[in-house]
Amino acid sequence: MIELYVEPRVTKTWNQFKDENPPFSIALDGYVADKPVFDSQGPRVNYNHHEFVDRLSTRSTTGQVHLAIKQGLFQRFNRDGFPTARAYVNDADYDVCVAWWLLQNHERITGVKSEPLISQLVAITDFMDATGGLYPLDPNTKLMRGRAWIFEPYTDARLSGRILQMEVGEMRNVIDAVITRIDKYTFGRGEEISVDTRYEKIGGGAGWTMVQEIGAEARGRMVADGIAAFVSVRDAGEGLYTYTLARLSPYINLPIPELLKHINQRESYAAADPSAWGGSNIIAGSSRKHKTKITPPELEKIINDFLAGERLEEE
């Protein structure tokens, strides 16, 4: 049996996961804030590409799950001859949904089996999620319009701010709605919708821009407009905010790991706290669990002061 456990905003360390989650557990896409790792004794495994990795050199969670299935995952995650897994997630995003769909439908890609539409969905999810939505693609193509339709239940929830407050039932409903659309797509019955790329510039500094994303594919437009590093702001209500810090690659001069460390010190997070600001070297963000009281103008000043200090040290 392959089961899904939805625990909104829960984040664990790898040791917590091994201690608290039963054998045959699979952590997906940030439920465990650690690099991909396999415990053969459980068995337990973490598929993740957010913390403690070089983002561009690491497959998305979808890419990791796809390859694991092809290379024999369910020979080990198997009890009495039956595929067995308990998948744990804390969000309902693109990567989570496709990875969960692959686990549910593993028999369609096991061994030499291959289906072009599944391969296409895995590839586009891998490229787009590994780069935080910053992989340069024309948003007006048939592929992108189809992708927009598949993930519309999630993007509607994210853009409305609902995803930040969702409890188990509502988040599970979003995942189920996306899974239903993936099913239709893989059987050739997918639909298309127009792609919304709107965003608004609200601040920034030397080499980076602070934005509010309005459309689900705003990042594609931002890349086309020449924005290579940005901080995206979302008002979480009740005086709280969430932020995404991103750059096209490590070659772009916005030192995300160093900024995370600096901001976490300001917010008094312990170094190993899985609820702190976190992520990879090219895309990261504020605490999923606690959000932050830092306002956009305050964060803009924090970042610009930090960058100015770095420039002085270089001189």
C-alpha atoms as a PDB file:
ATOM      1  CA  MET A   1       0.000   0.000   0.000  1.00  0.00           C
ATOM      2  CA  ILE A   2       1.226   3.472  -0.891  1.00  0.00           C
ATOM      3  CA  GLU A   3      -0.226   6.181   1.356  1.00  0.00           C
ATOM      4  CA  LEU A   4       0.017   9.966   1.576  1.00  0.00           C
ATOM      5  CA  TYR A   5       0.327  11.873   4.847  1.00  0.00           C
ATOM      6  CA  VAL A   6      -0.220  15.625   4.592  1.00  0.00           C
ATOM      7  CA  GLU A   7       1.220  17.678   7.454  1.00  0.00           C
ATOM      8  CA  PRO A   8       1.072  21.377   6.527  1.00  0.00           C
ATOM      9  CA  ARG A   9       4.113  23.425   7.519  1.00  0.00           C
ATOM     10  CA  VAL A  10       5.734  20.544   9.445  1.00  0.00           C
ATOM     11  CA  THR A  11       9.499  20.382   8.928  1.00  0.00           C
ATOM     12  CA  LYS A  12      11.791  17.803  10.513  1.00  0.00           C
ATOM     13  CA  THR A  13      15.462  17.040  10.698  1.00  0.00           C
ATOM     14  CA  TRP A  14      16.654  13.739   9.250  1.00  0.00           C
ATOM     15  CA  ASN A  15      17.251  12.339  12.745  1.00  0.00           C
ATOM     16  CA  GLN A  16      13.743  13.338  13.825  1.00  0.00           C
ATOM     17  CA  PHE A  17      12.324  11.658  10.740  1.00  0.00           C
ATOM     18  CA  LYS A  18      14.179   8.422  11.474  1.00  0.00           C
ATOM     19  CA  ASP A  19      13.062   8.492  15.124  1.00  0.00           C
ATOM     20  CA  GLU A  20       9.440   9.539  14.618  1.00  0.00           C
ATOM     21  CA  ASN A  21       8.316   8.108  11.275  1.00  0.00           C
ATOM     22  CA  PRO A  22       7.821   4.370  10.780  1.00  0.00           C
ATOM     23  CA  PRO A  23       9.681   2.076   8.380  1.00  0.00           C
ATOM     24  CA  PHE A  24       8.866   2.496   4.667  1.00  0.00           C
ATOM     25  CA  SER A  25       8.540   6.277   5.126  1.00  0.00           C
ATOM     26  CA  ILE A  26       9.383   8.662   2.261  1.00  0.00           C
ATOM     27  CA  ALA A  27       9.872  12.388   2.913  1.00  0.00           C
ATOM     28  CA  LEU A  28       9.138  14.621  -0.070  1.00  0.00           C
ATOM     29  CA  ASP A  29      10.380  18.096  -0.986  1.00  0.00           C
ATOM     30  CA  GLY A  30      11.291  19.775   2.277  1.00  0.00           C
ATOM     31  CA  TYR A  31       9.330  17.730   4.802  1.00  0.00           C
ATOM     32  CA  VAL A  32      12.815  16.804   5.978  1.00  0.00           C
ATOM     33  CA  ALA A  33      15.109  19.811   5.781  1.00  0.00           C
ATOM     34  CA  ASP A  34      18.181  17.944   4.646  1.00  0.00           C
ATOM     35  CA  LYS A  35      19.932  16.672   1.546  1.00  0.00           C
ATOM     36  CA  PRO A  36      18.689  13.489  -0.183  1.00  0.00           C
ATOM     37  CA  VAL A  37      19.575  10.516   2.018  1.00  0.00           C
ATOM     38  CA  PHE A  38      18.609   6.822   2.271  1.00  0.00           C
ATOM     39  CA  ASP A  39      18.352   4.755   5.463  1.00  0.00           C
ATOM     40  CA  SER A  40      18.503   1.139   4.301  1.00  0.00           C
ATOM     41  CA  GLN A  41      17.661  -0.187   7.758  1.00  0.00           C
ATOM     42  CA  GLY A  42      14.208   1.416   7.837  1.00  0.00           C
ATOM     43  CA  PRO A  43      13.888   1.653   5.014  1.00  0.00           C
ATOM     44  CA  ARG A  44      13.382   5.405   4.957  1.00  0.00           C
ATOM     45  CA  VAL A  45      14.388   7.970   2.361  1.00  0.00           C
ATOM     46  CA  ASN A  46      14.431  11.732   1.929  1.00  0.00           C
ATOM     47  CA  TYR A  47      13.890  13.192  -1.551  1.00  0.00           C
ATOM     48  CA  ASN A  48      14.638  16.903  -1.411  1.00  0.00           C
ATOM     49  CA  HIS A  49      16.573  19.566  -3.302  1.00  0.00           C
ATOM     50  CA  HIS A  50      16.237  22.564  -1.008  1.00  0.00           C
ATOM     51  CA  GLU A  51      18.660  22.326   1.921  1.00  0.00           C
ATOM     52  CA  PHE A  52      22.406  21.609   1.908  1.00  0.00           C
ATOM     53  CA  VAL A  53      22.686  21.022  -1.845  1.00  0.00           C
ATOM     54  CA  ASP A  54      24.027  22.749  -4.906  1.00  0.00           C
ATOM     55  CA  ARG A  55      20.653  23.451  -6.486  1.00  0.00           C
ATOM     56  CA  LEU A  56      21.637  23.352 -10.168  1.00  0.00           C
ATOM     57  CA  SER A  57      23.503  20.070  -9.645  1.00  0.00           C
ATOM     58  CA  THR A  58      20.607  18.394  -7.827  1.00  0.00           C
ATOM     59  CA  ARG A  59      17.485  16.956  -9.409  1.00  0.00           C
ATOM     60  CA  SER A  60      14.114  18.197  -8.248  1.00  0.00           C
ATOM     61  CA  THR A  61      12.133  15.941  -5.917  1.00  0.00           C
ATOM     62  CA  THR A  62      10.187  14.768  -8.970  1.00  0.00           C
ATOM     63  CA  GLY A  63      13.407  13.948 -10.794  1.00  0.00           C
ATOM     64  CA  GLN A  64      14.765  12.047  -7.801  1.00  0.00           C
ATOM     65  CA  VAL A  65      11.585  10.014  -7.361  1.00  0.00           C
ATOM     66  CA  HIS A  66      11.358   9.247 -11.076  1.00  0.00           C
ATOM     67  CA  LEU A  67      14.920   7.945 -11.204  1.00  0.00           C
ATOM     68  CA  ALA A  68      14.515   6.011  -7.944  1.00  0.00           C
ATOM     69  CA  ILE A  69      11.465   4.180  -9.301  1.00  0.00           C
ATOM     70  CA  LYS A  70      13.272   3.378 -12.555  1.00  0.00           C
ATOM     71  CA  GLN A  71      16.268   2.080 -10.603  1.00  0.00           C
ATOM     72  CA  GLY A  72      14.366  -0.243  -8.253  1.00  0.00           C
ATOM     73  CA  LEU A  73      12.865   1.771  -5.370  1.00  0.00           C
ATOM     74  CA  PHE A  74       9.996  -0.666  -4.893  1.00  0.00           C
ATOM     75  CA  GLN A  75      12.247  -3.662  -4.736  1.00  0.00           C
ATOM     76  CA  ARG A  76      13.327  -2.291  -1.342  1.00  0.00           C
ATOM     77  CA  PHE A  77      10.110  -0.518  -0.387  1.00  0.00           C
ATOM     78  CA  ASN A  78       8.255  -3.782  -0.539  1.00  0.00           C
ATOM     79  CA  ARG A  79       6.493  -5.832   2.112  1.00  0.00           C
ATOM     80  CA  ASP A  80       5.484  -9.432   1.393  1.00  0.00           C
ATOM     81  CA  GLY A  81       5.646  -8.819  -2.334  1.00  0.00           C
ATOM     82  CA  PHE A  82       3.591  -5.608  -2.289  1.00  0.00           C
ATOM     83  CA  PRO A  83       4.940  -2.077  -2.927  1.00  0.00           C
ATOM     84  CA  THR A  84       4.762  -0.258   0.401  1.00  0.00           C
ATOM     85  CA  ALA A  85       5.385   3.397   1.207  1.00  0.00           C
ATOM     86  CA  ARG A  86       4.170   6.191   3.460  1.00  0.00           C
ATOM     87  CA  ALA A  87       4.848   9.516   1.723  1.00  0.00           C
ATOM     88  CA  TYR A  88       5.011  12.633   3.918  1.00  0.00           C
ATOM     89  CA  VAL A  89       4.517  16.165   2.555  1.00  0.00           C
ATOM     90  CA  ASN A  90       4.105  19.641   4.043  1.00  0.00           C
ATOM     91  CA  ASP A  91       2.986  21.498   0.906  1.00  0.00           C
ATOM     92  CA  ALA A  92       0.958  20.962  -2.270  1.00  0.00           C
ATOM     93  CA  ASP A  93       3.230  22.495  -4.889  1.00  0.00           C
ATOM     94  CA  TYR A  94       4.149  21.332  -8.390  1.00  0.00           C
ATOM     95  CA  ASP A  95       7.059  19.152  -7.288  1.00  0.00           C
ATOM     96  CA  VAL A  96       5.130  17.506  -4.460  1.00  0.00           C
ATOM     97  CA  CYS A  97       2.171  16.671  -6.680  1.00  0.00           C
ATOM     98  CA  VAL A  98       4.145  15.129  -9.538  1.00  0.00           C
ATOM     99  CA  ALA A  99       6.387  13.161  -7.153  1.00  0.00           C
ATOM    100  CA  TRP A 100       3.319  11.811  -5.334  1.00  0.00           C
ATOM    101  CA  TRP A 101       1.636  10.955  -8.654  1.00  0.00           C
ATOM    102  CA  LEU A 102       4.741   8.994  -9.710  1.00  0.00           C
ATOM    103  CA  LEU A 103       4.751   7.005  -6.473  1.00  0.00           C
ATOM    104  CA  GLN A 104       1.077   6.164  -6.947  1.00  0.00           C
ATOM    105  CA  ASN A 105       1.581   5.226 -10.584  1.00  0.00           C
ATOM    106  CA  HIS A 106       5.020   3.646 -10.365  1.00  0.00           C
ATOM    107  CA  GLU A 107       3.986   0.611 -12.397  1.00  0.00           C
ATOM    108  CA  ARG A 108       3.587   2.831 -15.480  1.00  0.00           C
ATOM    109  CA  ILE A 109       7.298   3.703 -15.483  1.00  0.00           C
ATOM    110  CA  THR A 110       8.899   0.676 -13.799  1.00  0.00           C
ATOM    111  CA  GLY A 111      11.708  -1.013 -15.704  1.00  0.00           C
ATOM    112  CA  VAL A 112      11.716  -0.332 -19.436  1.00  0.00           C
ATOM    113  CA  LYS A 113       8.181   1.083 -19.431  1.00  0.00           C
ATOM    114  CA  SER A 114       7.966   4.629 -20.704  1.00  0.00           C
ATOM    115  CA  GLU A 115       5.203   7.002 -21.745  1.00  0.00           C
ATOM    116  CA  PRO A 116       6.039  10.206 -23.638  1.00  0.00           C
ATOM    117  CA  LEU A 117       3.561  12.415 -21.793  1.00  0.00           C
ATOM    118  CA  ILE A 118       4.825  11.255 -18.388  1.00  0.00           C
ATOM    119  CA  SER A 119       8.433  11.789 -19.478  1.00  0.00           C
ATOM    120  CA  GLN A 120       7.525  15.290 -20.685  1.00  0.00           C
ATOM    121  CA  LEU A 121       5.825  16.191 -17.403  1.00  0.00           C
ATOM    122  CA  VAL A 122       8.774  14.891 -15.372  1.00  0.00           C
ATOM    123  CA  ALA A 123      11.257  16.835 -17.508  1.00  0.00           C
ATOM    124  CA  ILE A 124       9.426  20.177 -17.383  1.00  0.00           C
ATOM    125  CA  THR A 125       8.789  19.819 -13.632  1.00  0.00           C
ATOM    126  CA  ASP A 126      12.438  18.930 -13.061  1.00  0.00           C
ATOM    127  CA  PHE A 127      13.801  21.914 -15.001  1.00  0.00           C
ATOM    128  CA  MET A 128      11.313  24.428 -13.642  1.00  0.00           C
ATOM    129  CA  ASP A 129      11.409  23.340 -10.010  1.00  0.00           C
ATOM    130  CA  ALA A 130      15.166  22.855  -9.834  1.00  0.00           C
ATOM    131  CA  THR A 131      15.544  26.479 -10.928  1.00  0.00           C
ATOM    132  CA  GLY A 132      12.704  27.831  -8.799  1.00  0.00           C
ATOM    133  CA  GLY A 133      10.632  28.649 -11.875  1.00  0.00           C
ATOM    134  CA  LEU A 134      13.518  30.585 -13.447  1.00  0.00           C
ATOM    135  CA  TYR A 135      14.295  28.223 -16.325  1.00  0.00           C
ATOM    136  CA  PRO A 136      13.972  30.346 -19.491  1.00  0.00           C
ATOM    137  CA  LEU A 137      10.966  29.137 -21.488  1.00  0.00           C
ATOM    138  CA  ASP A 138       8.400  30.911 -23.639  1.00  0.00           C
ATOM    139  CA  PRO A 139       5.283  30.995 -21.427  1.00  0.00           C
ATOM    140  CA  ASN A 140       2.974  31.088 -24.456  1.00  0.00           C
ATOM    141  CA  THR A 141       3.827  27.601 -25.756  1.00  0.00           C
ATOM    142  CA  LYS A 142       1.385  24.705 -25.758  1.00  0.00           C
ATOM    143  CA  LEU A 143       3.566  22.955 -23.165  1.00  0.00           C
ATOM    144  CA  MET A 144       3.387  25.862 -20.721  1.00  0.00           C
ATOM    145  CA  ARG A 145      -0.337  26.418 -21.230  1.00  0.00           C
ATOM    146  CA  GLY A 146      -0.929  22.737 -20.513  1.00  0.00           C
ATOM    147  CA  ARG A 147       1.277  22.900 -17.435  1.00  0.00           C
ATOM    148  CA  ALA A 148      -0.655  25.942 -16.204  1.00  0.00           C
ATOM    149  CA  TRP A 149      -3.915  23.975 -16.468  1.00  0.00           C
ATOM    150  CA  ILE A 150      -2.540  20.954 -14.589  1.00  0.00           C
ATOM    151  CA  PHE A 151      -1.410  23.004 -11.607  1.00  0.00           C
ATOM    152  CA  GLU A 152      -4.209  25.576 -11.577  1.00  0.00           C
ATOM    153  CA  PRO A 153      -5.746  24.241  -8.309  1.00  0.00           C
ATOM    154  CA  TYR A 154      -2.431  24.834  -6.556  1.00  0.00           C
ATOM    155  CA  THR A 155      -1.574  28.168  -8.150  1.00  0.00           C
ATOM    156  CA  ASP A 156      -5.043  29.518  -7.344  1.00  0.00           C
ATOM    157  CA  ALA A 157      -4.520  28.565  -3.697  1.00  0.00           C
ATOM    158  CA  ARG A 158      -1.007  30.009  -3.605  1.00  0.00           C
ATOM    159  CA  LEU A 159      -1.871  33.311  -5.253  1.00  0.00           C
ATOM    160  CA  SER A 160      -4.884  33.814  -2.984  1.00  0.00           C
ATOM    161  CA  GLY A 161      -2.717  33.224   0.080  1.00  0.00           C
ATOM    162  CA  ARG A 162      -4.764  30.208   1.152  1.00  0.00           C
ATOM    163  CA  ILE A 163      -1.829  27.804   0.949  1.00  0.00           C
ATOM    164  CA  LEU A 164      -0.247  29.582   3.935  1.00  0.00           C
ATOM    165  CA  GLN A 165      -3.179  28.804   6.249  1.00  0.00           C
ATOM    166  CA  MET A 166      -4.406  25.456   4.910  1.00  0.00           C
ATOM    167  CA  GLU A 167      -4.979  22.579   7.270  1.00  0.00           C
ATOM    168  CA  VAL A 168      -4.799  18.906   6.334  1.00  0.00           C
ATOM    169  CA  GLY A 169      -8.154  18.449   4.596  1.00  0.00           C
ATOM    170  CA  GLU A 170      -7.961  21.521   2.393  1.00  0.00           C
ATOM    171  CA  MET A 171      -4.356  20.872   1.387  1.00  0.00           C
ATOM    172  CA  ARG A 172      -5.188  17.253   0.601  1.00  0.00           C
ATOM    173  CA  ASN A 173      -8.046  18.454  -1.611  1.00  0.00           C
ATOM    174  CA  VAL A 174      -5.659  20.662  -3.587  1.00  0.00           C
ATOM    175  CA  ILE A 175      -3.257  17.756  -4.095  1.00  0.00           C
ATOM    176  CA  ASP A 176      -6.104  15.458  -5.159  1.00  0.00           C
ATOM    177  CA  ALA A 177      -7.375  18.048  -7.648  1.00  0.00           C
ATOM    178  CA  VAL A 178      -3.926  18.341  -9.252  1.00  0.00           C
ATOM    179  CA  ILE A 179      -3.539  14.548  -9.310  1.00  0.00           C
ATOM    180  CA  THR A 180      -6.854  14.245 -11.167  1.00  0.00           C
ATOM    181  CA  ARG A 181      -5.579  16.689 -13.800  1.00  0.00           C
ATOM    182  CA  ILE A 182      -2.270  14.821 -14.122  1.00  0.00           C
ATOM    183  CA  ASP A 183      -4.273  11.634 -14.722  1.00  0.00           C
ATOM    184  CA  LYS A 184      -6.217  13.323 -17.521  1.00  0.00           C
ATOM    185  CA  TYR A 185      -3.059  14.799 -19.024  1.00  0.00           C
ATOM    186  CA  THR A 186      -1.193  11.480 -19.111  1.00  0.00           C
ATOM    187  CA  PHE A 187      -4.110   9.875 -20.938  1.00  0.00           C
ATOM    188  CA  GLY A 188      -4.113  12.641 -23.548  1.00  0.00           C
ATOM    189  CA  ARG A 189      -7.095  14.543 -22.172  1.00  0.00           C
ATOM    190  CA  GLY A 190      -5.249  17.539 -20.751  1.00  0.00           C
ATOM    191  CA  GLU A 191      -6.493  21.061 -21.311  1.00  0.00           C
ATOM    192  CA  GLU A 192      -4.811  24.454 -21.675  1.00  0.00           C
ATOM    193  CA  ILE A 193      -5.268  27.853 -20.073  1.00  0.00           C
ATOM    194  CA  SER A 194      -3.569  31.178 -20.672  1.00  0.00           C
ATOM    195  CA  VAL A 195      -0.416  31.840 -18.674  1.00  0.00           C
ATOM    196  CA  ASP A 196      -0.435  34.826 -16.315  1.00  0.00           C
ATOM    197  CA  THR A 197       3.036  36.396 -16.059  1.00  0.00           C
ATOM    198  CA  ARG A 198       2.202  39.648 -14.265  1.00  0.00           C
ATOM    199  CA  TYR A 199       4.358  41.016 -11.462  1.00  0.00           C
ATOM    200  CA  GLU A 200       5.046  44.363  -9.799  1.00  0.00           C
ATOM    201  CA  LYS A 201       8.392  45.852  -8.829  1.00  0.00           C
ATOM    202  CA  ILE A 202       8.220  47.286  -5.305  1.00  0.00           C
ATOM    203  CA  GLY A 203      11.863  47.831  -4.382  1.00  0.00           C
ATOM    204  CA  GLY A 204      15.306  46.277  -4.459  1.00  0.00           C
ATOM    205  CA  GLY A 205      18.899  47.390  -4.701  1.00  0.00           C
ATOM    206  CA  ALA A 206      22.113  46.964  -6.674  1.00  0.00           C
ATOM    207  CA  GLY A 207      21.722  43.807  -8.745  1.00  0.00           C
ATOM    208  CA  TRP A 208      18.417  42.632  -7.274  1.00  0.00           C
ATOM    209  CA  THR A 209      14.704  43.491  -7.387  1.00  0.00           C
ATOM    210  CA  MET A 210      11.937  43.178  -4.807  1.00  0.00           C
ATOM    211  CA  VAL A 211       8.680  42.079  -6.398  1.00  0.00           C
ATOM    212  CA  GLN A 212       5.129  40.991  -5.783  1.00  0.00           C
ATOM    213  CA  GLU A 213       4.180  38.076  -8.017  1.00  0.00           C
ATOM    214  CA  ILE A 214       0.677  38.478  -9.408  1.00  0.00           C
ATOM    215  CA  GLY A 215       0.555  35.703 -11.988  1.00  0.00           C
ATOM    216  CA  ALA A 216       1.478  32.052 -11.488  1.00  0.00           C
ATOM    217  CA  GLU A 217       4.286  32.292 -14.060  1.00  0.00           C
ATOM    218  CA  ALA A 218       5.556  35.757 -13.148  1.00  0.00           C
ATOM    219  CA  ARG A 219       9.107  34.465 -12.804  1.00  0.00           C
ATOM    220  CA  GLY A 220       9.288  33.588 -16.483  1.00  0.00           C
ATOM    221  CA  ARG A 221       8.408  37.174 -17.351  1.00  0.00           C
ATOM    222  CA  MET A 222      10.924  38.483 -14.831  1.00  0.00           C
ATOM    223  CA  VAL A 223      13.718  36.452 -16.434  1.00  0.00           C
ATOM    224  CA  ALA A 224      12.685  37.731 -19.871  1.00  0.00           C
ATOM    225  CA  ASP A 225      12.781  41.288 -18.471  1.00  0.00           C
ATOM    226  CA  GLY A 226      16.366  40.797 -17.338  1.00  0.00           C
ATOM    227  CA  ILE A 227      15.816  40.231 -13.611  1.00  0.00           C
ATOM    228  CA  ALA A 228      18.475  37.750 -12.505  1.00  0.00           C
ATOM    229  CA  ALA A 229      18.015  38.061  -8.718  1.00  0.00           C
ATOM    230  CA  PHE A 230      14.910  38.929  -6.736  1.00  0.00           C
ATOM    231  CA  VAL A 231      13.045  38.799  -3.453  1.00  0.00           C
ATOM    232  CA  SER A 232       9.356  38.006  -3.776  1.00  0.00           C
ATOM    233  CA  VAL A 233       6.977  39.284  -1.100  1.00  0.00           C
ATOM    234  CA  ARG A 234       3.693  37.759   0.011  1.00  0.00           C
ATOM    235  CA  ASP A 235       1.498  39.267   2.743  1.00  0.00           C
ATOM    236  CA  ALA A 236       0.480  36.406   5.046  1.00  0.00           C
ATOM    237  CA  GLY A 237      -1.932  38.531   7.096  1.00  0.00           C
ATOM    238  CA  GLU A 238      -1.912  39.481  10.771  1.00  0.00           C
ATOM    239  CA  GLY A 239       1.321  41.437  10.332  1.00  0.00           C
ATOM    240  CA  LEU A 240       3.237  38.468   8.936  1.00  0.00           C
ATOM    241  CA  TYR A 241       5.014  37.997   5.605  1.00  0.00           C
ATOM    242  CA  THR A 242       6.618  35.251   3.577  1.00  0.00           C
ATOM    243  CA  TYR A 243       9.572  35.803   1.270  1.00  0.00           C
ATOM    244  CA  THR A 244      11.325  33.967  -1.524  1.00  0.00           C
ATOM    245  CA  LEU A 245      14.936  34.890  -2.269  1.00  0.00           C
ATOM    246  CA  ALA A 246      16.137  33.682  -5.670  1.00  0.00           C
ATOM    247  CA  ARG A 247      18.766  34.079  -8.361  1.00  0.00           C
ATOM    248  CA  LEU A 248      19.251  32.424 -11.727  1.00  0.00           C
ATOM    249  CA  SER A 249      22.384  30.581 -10.626  1.00  0.00           C
ATOM    250  CA  PRO A 250      25.376  30.790  -8.283  1.00  0.00           C
ATOM    251  CA  TYR A 251      26.989  32.999 -10.925  1.00  0.00           C
ATOM    252  CA  ILE A 252      24.605  35.838  -9.985  1.00  0.00           C
ATOM    253  CA  ASN A 253      25.827  37.994  -7.122  1.00  0.00           C
ATOM    254  CA  LEU A 254      23.096  37.684  -4.506  1.00  0.00           C
ATOM    255  CA  PRO A 255      24.732  35.613  -1.714  1.00  0.00           C
ATOM    256  CA  ILE A 256      21.657  33.703  -0.563  1.00  0.00           C
ATOM    257  CA  PRO A 257      23.302  31.286   1.937  1.00  0.00           C
ATOM    258  CA  GLU A 258      25.091  34.153   3.663  1.00  0.00           C
ATOM    259  CA  LEU A 259      21.925  36.257   3.722  1.00  0.00           C
ATOM    260  CA  LEU A 260      19.966  33.385   5.285  1.00  0.00           C
ATOM    261  CA  LYS A 261      22.532  33.040   8.044  1.00  0.00           C
ATOM    262  CA  HIS A 262      22.436  36.794   8.674  1.00  0.00           C
ATOM    263  CA  ILE A 263      18.630  36.965   8.777  1.00  0.00           C
ATOM    264  CA  ASN A 264      18.339  33.871  11.000  1.00  0.00           C
ATOM    265  CA  GLN A 265      20.708  35.482  13.491  1.00  0.00           C
ATOM    266  CA  ARG A 266      18.521  38.597  13.528  1.00  0.00           C
ATOM    267  CA  GLU A 267      15.441  36.446  14.141  1.00  0.00           C
ATOM    268  CA  SER A 268      17.238  34.378  16.820  1.00  0.00           C
ATOM    269  CA  TYR A 269      16.893  31.017  15.102  1.00  0.00           C
ATOM    270  CA  ALA A 270      19.298  28.304  16.208  1.00  0.00           C
ATOM    271  CA  ALA A 271      21.656  27.137  13.468  1.00  0.00           C
ATOM    272  CA  ALA A 272      20.052  23.683  13.175  1.00  0.00           C
ATOM    273  CA  ASP A 273      16.412  24.774  13.558  1.00  0.00           C
ATOM    274  CA  PRO A 274      14.442  23.199  10.664  1.00  0.00           C
ATOM    275  CA  SER A 275      11.832  25.960  11.008  1.00  0.00           C
ATOM    276  CA  ALA A 276      14.304  28.755  10.287  1.00  0.00           C
ATOM    277  CA  TRP A 277      14.730  30.612   7.019  1.00  0.00           C
ATOM    278  CA  GLY A 278      16.237  28.049   4.680  1.00  0.00           C
ATOM    279  CA  GLY A 279      16.743  26.674   1.213  1.00  0.00           C
ATOM    280  CA  SER A 280      19.470  26.123  -1.317  1.00  0.00           C
ATOM    281  CA  ASN A 281      22.200  28.280  -2.801  1.00  0.00           C
ATOM    282  CA  ILE A 282      19.955  29.742  -5.523  1.00  0.00           C
ATOM    283  CA  ILE A 283      16.464  29.818  -3.998  1.00  0.00           C
ATOM    284  CA  ALA A 284      15.345  29.998  -0.393  1.00  0.00           C
ATOM    285  CA  GLY A 285      12.776  31.621   1.812  1.00  0.00           C
ATOM    286  CA  SER A 286      11.334  32.571   5.155  1.00  0.00           C
ATOM    287  CA  SER A 287      10.088  30.058   7.691  1.00  0.00           C
ATOM    288  CA  ARG A 288       7.146  28.042   6.385  1.00  0.00           C
ATOM    289  CA  LYS A 289       5.985  27.418   9.931  1.00  0.00           C
ATOM    290  CA  HIS A 290       6.397  30.828  11.557  1.00  0.00           C
ATOM    291  CA  LYS A 291       6.566  33.223   8.577  1.00  0.00           C
ATOM    292  CA  THR A 292       8.151  36.539   9.668  1.00  0.00           C
ATOM    293  CA  LYS A 293       7.293  39.964  11.064  1.00  0.00           C
ATOM    294  CA  ILE A 294      10.023  41.629   8.988  1.00  0.00           C
ATOM    295  CA  THR A 295       8.294  44.097   6.652  1.00  0.00           C
ATOM    296  CA  PRO A 296       9.321  44.550   3.003  1.00  0.00           C
ATOM    297  CA  PRO A 297      11.046  47.923   3.656  1.00  0.00           C
ATOM    298  CA  GLU A 298      12.902  46.382   6.613  1.00  0.00           C
ATOM    299  CA  LEU A 299      14.039  43.384   4.584  1.00  0.00           C
ATOM    300  CA  GLU A 300      15.119  45.641   1.725  1.00  0.00           C
ATOM    301  CA  LYS A 301      17.323  47.587   4.157  1.00  0.00           C
ATOM    302  CA  ILE A 302      18.713  44.408   5.750  1.00  0.00           C
ATOM    303  CA  ILE A 303      19.742  43.046   2.353  1.00  0.00           C
ATOM    304  CA  ASN A 304      21.179  46.309   1.035  1.00  0.00           C
ATOM    305  CA  ASP A 305      23.133  46.948   4.247  1.00  0.00           C
ATOM    306  CA  PHE A 306      24.518  43.402   4.109  1.00  0.00           C
ATOM    307  CA  LEU A 307      25.532  43.764   0.468  1.00  0.00           C
ATOM    308  CA  ALA A 308      27.118  47.160   1.155  1.00  0.00           C
ATOM    309  CA  GLY A 309      29.124  45.591   3.983  1.00  0.00           C
ATOM    310  CA  GLU A 310      30.299  42.817   1.664  1.00  0.00           C
ATOM    311  CA  ARG A 311      31.423  45.357  -0.916  1.00  0.00           C
ATOM    312  CA  LEU A 312      33.390  47.274   1.718  1.00  0.00           C
ATOM    313  CA  GLU A 313      35.126  44.087   2.838  1.00  0.00           C
ATOM    314  CA  GLU A 314      36.093  43.327  -0.768  1.00  0.00           C
ATOM    315  CA  GLU A 315      37.603  46.800  -1.134  1.00  0.00           C
END
